[in-house]
Amino acid sequence: MKISYDREVDALYIRLLEGSHECRTLRLNDEVALNIGPGEALVGIEILDATHVFGAEELPDLVVENVRLAVSG
C-alpha cells in the first residue's frame, strides 16, 4: 500500500495494489473516487479537496496497525 499527497492540487491517493492496472472509476461523490481493477479488485482511492474532506487545514496523522511494512534496499 502506498499513500501519496499532492499539496498543489490538495489530492490524496491511497494505492492498494502495486503495478499498472486498467481501472474503471466509481465516483462516490465530488471528492471521493474508487479505482476498480480486474476481478472487481479495489486498486486505489482518490480523495480530492483532501483538507476539506478531512475537515482540517492539515491532513490527520497516519496510524498503521497490524501491517507488515516493506523494507527497501
Protein backbone atom coordinates (compact mmCIF):
# COMPACT_ATOMS: atom_id res chain seq x y z
CA MET A 1 0.00 0.00 0.00
CA LYS A 2 1.22 3.48 -0.83
CA ILE A 3 -0.31 6.77 0.29
CA SER A 4 0.62 9.96 -1.54
CA TYR A 5 -0.49 13.56 -1.15
CA ASP A 6 -0.13 16.37 -3.67
CA ARG A 7 -0.33 19.74 -1.91
CA GLU A 8 -0.58 21.68 -5.18
CA VAL A 9 -3.93 20.12 -6.06
CA ASP A 10 -4.88 19.03 -2.50
CA ALA A 11 -5.37 15.41 -3.55
CA LEU A 12 -4.69 12.26 -1.52
CA TYR A 13 -4.30 8.88 -3.21
CA ILE A 14 -4.24 5.53 -1.45
CA ARG A 15 -2.83 2.83 -3.75
CA LEU A 16 -3.79 -0.62 -2.51
CA LEU A 17 -2.37 -2.71 -5.39
CA GLU A 18 1.03 -2.10 -6.97
CA GLY A 19 1.63 -2.18 -10.68
CA SER A 20 -0.27 -0.91 -13.68
CA HIS A 21 -3.95 -1.82 -13.82
CA GLU A 22 -6.70 -0.93 -16.24
CA CYS A 23 -9.38 0.50 -13.98
CA ARG A 24 -12.84 1.89 -14.06
CA THR A 25 -13.65 4.76 -11.73
CA LEU A 26 -16.59 4.67 -9.36
CA ARG A 27 -17.31 8.16 -8.02
CA LEU A 28 -18.84 8.16 -4.54
CA ASN A 29 -19.26 11.95 -4.58
CA ASP A 30 -17.45 15.01 -6.00
CA GLU A 31 -14.41 14.39 -3.80
CA VAL A 32 -14.02 10.61 -3.44
CA ALA A 33 -13.47 8.08 -6.23
CA LEU A 34 -12.64 4.38 -6.18
CA ASN A 35 -10.46 2.80 -8.86
CA ILE A 36 -11.75 -0.70 -9.55
CA GLY A 37 -9.50 -3.13 -11.43
CA PRO A 38 -9.75 -6.63 -12.87
CA GLY A 39 -11.88 -9.03 -10.86
CA GLU A 40 -13.53 -6.06 -9.12
CA ALA A 41 -10.38 -5.55 -7.02
CA LEU A 42 -10.09 -2.17 -5.31
CA VAL A 43 -6.87 -0.71 -6.74
CA GLY A 44 -6.95 2.73 -5.13
CA ILE A 45 -8.91 5.52 -3.51
CA GLU A 46 -8.63 9.13 -4.68
CA ILE A 47 -9.68 11.99 -2.42
CA LEU A 48 -9.87 15.46 -3.97
CA ASP A 49 -10.01 18.58 -1.79
CA ALA A 50 -8.46 16.42 0.92
CA THR A 51 -8.16 19.16 3.55
CA HIS A 52 -11.86 19.95 3.08
CA VAL A 53 -12.87 16.27 3.27
CA PHE A 54 -10.87 15.73 6.46
CA GLY A 55 -12.22 18.99 7.92
CA ALA A 56 -8.84 20.50 8.80
CA GLU A 57 -6.15 22.65 7.29
CA GLU A 58 -3.73 19.76 7.77
CA LEU A 59 -4.16 16.10 6.99
CA PRO A 60 -4.55 13.89 10.07
CA ASP A 61 -1.69 11.79 11.39
CA LEU A 62 -1.35 8.40 9.77
CA VAL A 63 -1.55 5.42 12.09
CA VAL A 64 -0.66 1.99 10.73
CA GLU A 65 -1.74 -1.03 12.77
CA ASN A 66 -1.09 -4.72 12.14
CA VAL A 67 0.55 -4.10 8.77
CA ARG A 68 3.90 -5.55 7.83
CA LEU A 69 5.93 -2.76 6.26
CA ALA A 70 8.27 -3.44 3.36
CA VAL A 71 11.93 -2.70 3.96
CA SER A 72 13.61 -1.04 0.99
CA GLY A 73 17.04 -1.65 -0.29
